[in-house]
Amino acid sequence: MNRRWLALATSLGIFGVDRWTKWLIESRFDFFDTKTVIPGFFNLVRSENPGVAFGIFADTVSHNRTLALVSVSLVALVVVACLLWKLDKQDRYSAAGISLIFGGALGNVFDRVRSGSVTDFIDLYVGSHHWYIFNLADAAICIGAGFLILSIILGDKATKQSEAGA
């Protein structure tokens, strides 16, 4: 299978699983319901984030907030789509990272266009110290960024491994 098609399938798979999990939460949880999965570490909750990562701009009362966030998100999606299109020139870590970022971004942009906010539901914590509530699209974006960082760290070694495996 062509790397570009594999990357697109990965991105669409991330988008599909993200939409499915958000639908499950939206259809079975009221706002701020909590279901403990692993006591002291992991809860499922339903939260809506009208801002961006880590709730940035969530408290902004501007009527143009959603339009601005959708516009910036769509520009970012186009940039990542262009990178996805040129995937044959990337090493395998970059290719995986771009695929995950595109799928995750697509999931969150879909939410923002549909409802003006993004559904989050994964609550990780230790004791009373909670991480920001997030979703699978956010996780895919972060893991994708990790793959891109790994590609940068490995540099030429990653490119040579990719060429040997391709």
C-alpha atoms as a PDB file:
ATOM      1  CA  MET A   1       0.000   0.000   0.000  1.00  0.00           C
ATOM      2  CA  ASN A   2       1.287   3.473  -0.875  1.00  0.00           C
ATOM      3  CA  ARG A   3       2.546   5.402   2.186  1.00  0.00           C
ATOM      4  CA  ARG A   4       0.233   8.300   1.370  1.00  0.00           C
ATOM      5  CA  TRP A   5      -2.836   6.029   1.393  1.00  0.00           C
ATOM      6  CA  LEU A   6      -1.692   4.343   4.595  1.00  0.00           C
ATOM      7  CA  ALA A   7      -1.252   7.757   6.225  1.00  0.00           C
ATOM      8  CA  LEU A   8      -4.682   8.881   5.039  1.00  0.00           C
ATOM      9  CA  ALA A   9      -6.257   5.650   6.319  1.00  0.00           C
ATOM     10  CA  THR A  10      -4.530   6.182   9.681  1.00  0.00           C
ATOM     11  CA  SER A  11      -5.788   9.773   9.854  1.00  0.00           C
ATOM     12  CA  LEU A  12      -9.343   8.762   8.967  1.00  0.00           C
ATOM     13  CA  GLY A  13      -9.160   5.916  11.503  1.00  0.00           C
ATOM     14  CA  ILE A  14      -8.134   8.379  14.231  1.00  0.00           C
ATOM     15  CA  PHE A  15     -10.959  10.701  13.164  1.00  0.00           C
ATOM     16  CA  GLY A  16     -13.487   7.829  13.208  1.00  0.00           C
ATOM     17  CA  VAL A  17     -12.468   6.502  16.629  1.00  0.00           C
ATOM     18  CA  ASP A  18     -12.398  10.054  18.002  1.00  0.00           C
ATOM     19  CA  ARG A  19     -15.918  10.789  16.714  1.00  0.00           C
ATOM     20  CA  TRP A  20     -17.203   7.430  18.007  1.00  0.00           C
ATOM     21  CA  THR A  21     -15.790   7.945  21.524  1.00  0.00           C
ATOM     22  CA  LYS A  22     -17.100  11.510  21.676  1.00  0.00           C
ATOM     23  CA  TRP A  23     -20.530  10.295  20.558  1.00  0.00           C
ATOM     24  CA  LEU A  24     -20.493   7.631  23.292  1.00  0.00           C
ATOM     25  CA  ILE A  25     -19.709  10.243  25.933  1.00  0.00           C
ATOM     26  CA  GLU A  26     -22.187  12.800  24.565  1.00  0.00           C
ATOM     27  CA  SER A  27     -24.992  10.259  24.413  1.00  0.00           C
ATOM     28  CA  ARG A  28     -24.393   8.590  27.801  1.00  0.00           C
ATOM     29  CA  PHE A  29     -23.072  11.330  30.100  1.00  0.00           C
ATOM     30  CA  ASP A  30     -24.606  14.539  31.349  1.00  0.00           C
ATOM     31  CA  PHE A  31     -22.253  17.491  31.687  1.00  0.00           C
ATOM     32  CA  PHE A  32     -19.669  16.920  34.391  1.00  0.00           C
ATOM     33  CA  ASP A  33     -20.856  13.365  35.168  1.00  0.00           C
ATOM     34  CA  THR A  34     -17.941  11.304  36.439  1.00  0.00           C
ATOM     35  CA  LYS A  35     -17.316   7.562  36.106  1.00  0.00           C
ATOM     36  CA  THR A  36     -14.255   6.288  37.923  1.00  0.00           C
ATOM     37  CA  VAL A  37     -12.312   3.827  35.758  1.00  0.00           C
ATOM     38  CA  ILE A  38      -9.113   3.460  37.817  1.00  0.00           C
ATOM     39  CA  PRO A  39      -9.515   4.971  41.313  1.00  0.00           C
ATOM     40  CA  GLY A  40      -6.882   7.596  42.040  1.00  0.00           C
ATOM     41  CA  PHE A  41      -5.789   7.819  38.381  1.00  0.00           C
ATOM     42  CA  PHE A  42      -8.435   7.807  35.613  1.00  0.00           C
ATOM     43  CA  ASN A  43     -12.040   9.033  35.290  1.00  0.00           C
ATOM     44  CA  LEU A  44     -14.390   9.472  32.362  1.00  0.00           C
ATOM     45  CA  VAL A  45     -16.218  12.809  32.434  1.00  0.00           C
ATOM     46  CA  ARG A  46     -18.084  14.959  29.947  1.00  0.00           C
ATOM     47  CA  SER A  47     -16.654  18.393  29.442  1.00  0.00           C
ATOM     48  CA  GLU A  48     -16.970  20.939  26.643  1.00  0.00           C
ATOM     49  CA  ASN A  49     -13.975  23.120  25.824  1.00  0.00           C
ATOM     50  CA  PRO A  50     -14.878  26.269  23.874  1.00  0.00           C
ATOM     51  CA  GLY A  51     -11.205  27.289  23.832  1.00  0.00           C
ATOM     52  CA  VAL A  52      -8.125  25.536  22.524  1.00  0.00           C
ATOM     53  CA  ALA A  53      -5.521  23.315  24.171  1.00  0.00           C
ATOM     54  CA  PHE A  54      -5.534  23.441  27.974  1.00  0.00           C
ATOM     55  CA  GLY A  55      -8.625  25.671  27.933  1.00  0.00           C
ATOM     56  CA  ILE A  56      -6.766  28.670  26.469  1.00  0.00           C
ATOM     57  CA  PHE A  57      -9.330  31.290  25.325  1.00  0.00           C
ATOM     58  CA  ALA A  58     -12.166  29.321  26.987  1.00  0.00           C
ATOM     59  CA  ASP A  59     -13.094  32.336  29.113  1.00  0.00           C
ATOM     60  CA  THR A  60     -13.012  34.786  26.206  1.00  0.00           C
ATOM     61  CA  VAL A  61     -16.460  36.302  25.745  1.00  0.00           C
ATOM     62  CA  SER A  62     -15.886  37.585  22.217  1.00  0.00           C
ATOM     63  CA  HIS A  63     -18.556  36.541  19.735  1.00  0.00           C
ATOM     64  CA  ASN A  64     -15.791  36.032  17.177  1.00  0.00           C
ATOM     65  CA  ARG A  65     -13.900  33.462  19.269  1.00  0.00           C
ATOM     66  CA  THR A  66     -15.362  30.411  17.518  1.00  0.00           C
ATOM     67  CA  LEU A  67     -14.932  31.950  14.067  1.00  0.00           C
ATOM     68  CA  ALA A  68     -11.314  32.845  14.821  1.00  0.00           C
ATOM     69  CA  LEU A  69     -10.531  29.403  16.268  1.00  0.00           C
ATOM     70  CA  VAL A  70     -12.189  27.612  13.328  1.00  0.00           C
ATOM     71  CA  SER A  71     -10.320  29.807  10.845  1.00  0.00           C
ATOM     72  CA  VAL A  72      -6.928  29.194  12.448  1.00  0.00           C
ATOM     73  CA  SER A  73      -7.718  25.473  12.761  1.00  0.00           C
ATOM     74  CA  LEU A  74      -8.667  25.213   9.096  1.00  0.00           C
ATOM     75  CA  VAL A  75      -5.422  26.930   8.042  1.00  0.00           C
ATOM     76  CA  ALA A  76      -3.486  24.474  10.241  1.00  0.00           C
ATOM     77  CA  LEU A  77      -5.404  21.555   8.681  1.00  0.00           C
ATOM     78  CA  VAL A  78      -4.451  22.738   5.184  1.00  0.00           C
ATOM     79  CA  VAL A  79      -0.782  22.982   6.193  1.00  0.00           C
ATOM     80  CA  VAL A  80      -0.824  19.474   7.708  1.00  0.00           C
ATOM     81  CA  ALA A  81      -2.719  18.139   4.658  1.00  0.00           C
ATOM     82  CA  CYS A  82       0.068  19.515   2.432  1.00  0.00           C
ATOM     83  CA  LEU A  83       2.633  17.753   4.616  1.00  0.00           C
ATOM     84  CA  LEU A  84       0.531  14.597   4.364  1.00  0.00           C
ATOM     85  CA  TRP A  85       0.513  14.912   0.575  1.00  0.00           C
ATOM     86  CA  LYS A  86       4.336  15.125   0.503  1.00  0.00           C
ATOM     87  CA  LEU A  87       4.663  12.160   2.839  1.00  0.00           C
ATOM     88  CA  ASP A  88       6.843  10.131   0.480  1.00  0.00           C
ATOM     89  CA  LYS A  89       9.698  12.535   1.285  1.00  0.00           C
ATOM     90  CA  GLN A  90       9.363  11.982   5.045  1.00  0.00           C
ATOM     91  CA  ASP A  91      10.948   9.362   7.295  1.00  0.00           C
ATOM     92  CA  ARG A  92       8.613   6.887   8.998  1.00  0.00           C
ATOM     93  CA  TYR A  93       8.499   8.781  12.309  1.00  0.00           C
ATOM     94  CA  SER A  94       7.531  12.026  10.581  1.00  0.00           C
ATOM     95  CA  ALA A  95       4.967  10.175   8.465  1.00  0.00           C
ATOM     96  CA  ALA A  96       3.392   8.610  11.560  1.00  0.00           C
ATOM     97  CA  GLY A  97       3.431  11.942  13.386  1.00  0.00           C
ATOM     98  CA  ILE A  98       1.813  13.857  10.536  1.00  0.00           C
ATOM     99  CA  SER A  99      -0.869  11.170  10.144  1.00  0.00           C
ATOM    100  CA  LEU A 100      -1.759  11.260  13.834  1.00  0.00           C
ATOM    101  CA  ILE A 101      -1.765  15.062  13.967  1.00  0.00           C
ATOM    102  CA  PHE A 102      -3.993  15.321  10.886  1.00  0.00           C
ATOM    103  CA  GLY A 103      -6.518  12.781  12.216  1.00  0.00           C
ATOM    104  CA  GLY A 104      -6.638  14.430  15.640  1.00  0.00           C
ATOM    105  CA  ALA A 105      -6.908  17.934  14.240  1.00  0.00           C
ATOM    106  CA  LEU A 106      -9.689  16.819  11.910  1.00  0.00           C
ATOM    107  CA  GLY A 107     -11.636  15.417  14.889  1.00  0.00           C
ATOM    108  CA  ASN A 108     -11.335  18.591  16.947  1.00  0.00           C
ATOM    109  CA  VAL A 109     -12.068  20.919  14.013  1.00  0.00           C
ATOM    110  CA  PHE A 110     -15.181  18.858  13.245  1.00  0.00           C
ATOM    111  CA  ASP A 111     -16.400  19.435  16.825  1.00  0.00           C
ATOM    112  CA  ARG A 112     -15.637  23.132  16.739  1.00  0.00           C
ATOM    113  CA  VAL A 113     -17.473  23.639  13.426  1.00  0.00           C
ATOM    114  CA  ARG A 114     -20.425  21.504  14.561  1.00  0.00           C
ATOM    115  CA  SER A 115     -20.954  22.956  18.017  1.00  0.00           C
ATOM    116  CA  GLY A 116     -18.445  25.720  18.721  1.00  0.00           C
ATOM    117  CA  SER A 117     -16.621  23.629  21.315  1.00  0.00           C
ATOM    118  CA  VAL A 118     -14.722  20.359  21.643  1.00  0.00           C
ATOM    119  CA  THR A 119     -15.937  17.427  23.734  1.00  0.00           C
ATOM    120  CA  ASP A 120     -13.298  16.226  26.214  1.00  0.00           C
ATOM    121  CA  PHE A 121     -13.695  13.222  28.491  1.00  0.00           C
ATOM    122  CA  ILE A 122     -10.390  11.707  29.670  1.00  0.00           C
ATOM    123  CA  ASP A 123      -9.504  12.844  33.186  1.00  0.00           C
ATOM    124  CA  LEU A 124      -6.076  11.669  34.400  1.00  0.00           C
ATOM    125  CA  TYR A 125      -4.971  12.517  37.915  1.00  0.00           C
ATOM    126  CA  VAL A 126      -2.870  11.505  40.899  1.00  0.00           C
ATOM    127  CA  GLY A 127      -4.489  12.314  44.205  1.00  0.00           C
ATOM    128  CA  SER A 128      -5.922  15.808  43.885  1.00  0.00           C
ATOM    129  CA  HIS A 129      -3.594  16.782  41.010  1.00  0.00           C
ATOM    130  CA  HIS A 130      -5.576  16.600  37.748  1.00  0.00           C
ATOM    131  CA  TRP A 131      -4.224  16.984  34.237  1.00  0.00           C
ATOM    132  CA  TYR A 132      -6.389  18.959  31.805  1.00  0.00           C
ATOM    133  CA  ILE A 133      -9.354  16.904  30.571  1.00  0.00           C
ATOM    134  CA  PHE A 134      -8.705  15.782  26.985  1.00  0.00           C
ATOM    135  CA  ASN A 135      -9.967  13.462  24.241  1.00  0.00           C
ATOM    136  CA  LEU A 136      -8.513  10.915  21.813  1.00  0.00           C
ATOM    137  CA  ALA A 137      -7.909  13.571  19.142  1.00  0.00           C
ATOM    138  CA  ASP A 138      -5.774  15.514  21.626  1.00  0.00           C
ATOM    139  CA  ALA A 139      -3.869  12.346  22.507  1.00  0.00           C
ATOM    140  CA  ALA A 140      -3.251  11.603  18.809  1.00  0.00           C
ATOM    141  CA  ILE A 141      -1.951  15.143  18.262  1.00  0.00           C
ATOM    142  CA  CYS A 142       0.423  14.868  21.237  1.00  0.00           C
ATOM    143  CA  ILE A 143       1.676  11.418  20.219  1.00  0.00           C
ATOM    144  CA  GLY A 144       2.113  12.699  16.654  1.00  0.00           C
ATOM    145  CA  ALA A 145       4.149  15.632  17.957  1.00  0.00           C
ATOM    146  CA  GLY A 146       6.242  13.116  19.907  1.00  0.00           C
ATOM    147  CA  PHE A 147       6.950  11.205  16.689  1.00  0.00           C
ATOM    148  CA  LEU A 148       8.018  14.450  14.982  1.00  0.00           C
ATOM    149  CA  ILE A 149      10.346  15.246  17.886  1.00  0.00           C
ATOM    150  CA  LEU A 150      11.753  11.711  17.672  1.00  0.00           C
ATOM    151  CA  SER A 151      12.383  12.239  13.959  1.00  0.00           C
ATOM    152  CA  ILE A 152      14.261  15.464  14.696  1.00  0.00           C
ATOM    153  CA  ILE A 153      16.341  13.807  17.426  1.00  0.00           C
ATOM    154  CA  LEU A 154      17.223  10.817  15.246  1.00  0.00           C
ATOM    155  CA  GLY A 155      17.845  13.029  12.207  1.00  0.00           C
ATOM    156  CA  ASP A 156      19.648  11.224   9.387  1.00  0.00           C
ATOM    157  CA  LYS A 157      19.379   7.889  11.205  1.00  0.00           C
ATOM    158  CA  ALA A 158      15.555   8.024  10.948  1.00  0.00           C
ATOM    159  CA  THR A 159      15.764   8.886   7.225  1.00  0.00           C
ATOM    160  CA  LYS A 160      18.151   5.995   6.536  1.00  0.00           C
ATOM    161  CA  GLN A 161      15.936   3.567   8.487  1.00  0.00           C
ATOM    162  CA  SER A 162      12.929   4.785   6.520  1.00  0.00           C
ATOM    163  CA  GLU A 163      14.680   4.350   3.174  1.00  0.00           C
ATOM    164  CA  ALA A 164      15.867   0.863   4.142  1.00  0.00           C
ATOM    165  CA  GLY A 165      12.327  -0.151   5.200  1.00  0.00           C
ATOM    166  CA  ALA A 166      10.500   1.435   2.244  1.00  0.00           C
END
